[in-house]
Amino acid sequence: MSTDAYAPIAHLALNVEPPRTEWMNMGLWKTSTSSFPKACQAKQYGPSCLHGVTSVPAHAHRARERLGHRATVWCADVVRWIRSDQATHSIYDVILALDCAYHFSDRAEFFRDAYARLAPGGTLALVDLVSAWPYPVATDATASNLFHASTLPTPTRPPSAWHRIQHWCACYVSGSNPHAFVSFDKYKAMLLDAGFDYIEMQDISHDVFPGFSSFLLSIGVHDLAWRGGSAWQWRALRALGKLVQTWAKGGNAAYVRCGLIVARKTQPHK
């Protein structure tokens, strides 16, 4: 009956449990998984001391709630934080910036200060978005600074005016600085200027963009009844999915690449 008291109730909403994970990166889609949490799950790593920094107050608050005393979390601009008294009293074995450095106010300054905060032999590791052009030449295993190319087609010319306009519009909507997307070669030069002398870079776009875009384009289609969220939110995410889908094709249409960058601080000679 249309007057049934239960008619207005979305029964799927009564069967949704709180998520066990709260990932917020693009994930690594090496397998055939369509699960966002599985794509984001990293190998377990148990440091004796863990510090986390985010510029988003809500994320910092939630991280403190979930982690408790297992980690210390600050809400700050990491470029300023790493030069503050809170950071200068610490020396780190590893500094990790996962899918965030393109938001930093000054990436080159962060590299210099990260180098100062690392112990000898320490590692700065980043997963970052970079400009696809100009695309570097892959190096052999004997080089001191390695680059591993993606399996996606490489660009053969600079981005067109239309692709530049698309990039600027996407940056405007997302609040990103369009000039923050530098080439792999410029990225390496900034790390060398910071003092790092061993740098390994890998274009992992083929393991990130295809799976991430497929996931974004699928949400809010068959799962809207139980996933929740507003129609505007799902439209925005699907629009992002279409942009990432363009990146996933590689070639001249892809303005952006996803890079895995590892830079090490040399051990002093004894």
Foldseek 3Di string as FASTA:
>chain_A
DVPPPCVVPLVLQVVDDDDPDDDDAQFFQPDPDLDPVVRNDDDDDQDPAAEEEAQDVVVQVVCCVVCPPSYHYDHDQVLVVLVDPVNVVAADQEAEAEAPLLQHPDNLSNLLSNLVRYDAFGKYKYWYKAFLPPPDDADDPVDQEGEAEDPADGADDAADPVLLVVLVVVCVVVVGDSVSHHYPVVVVVSNVVSPFRHKYKYFSLLRGLVSSLVSLLPPPPVCPSNPDDDPVVSVVSNVVSVLSVQLNNHYRSHGMTIMIMMTTHHHDDD
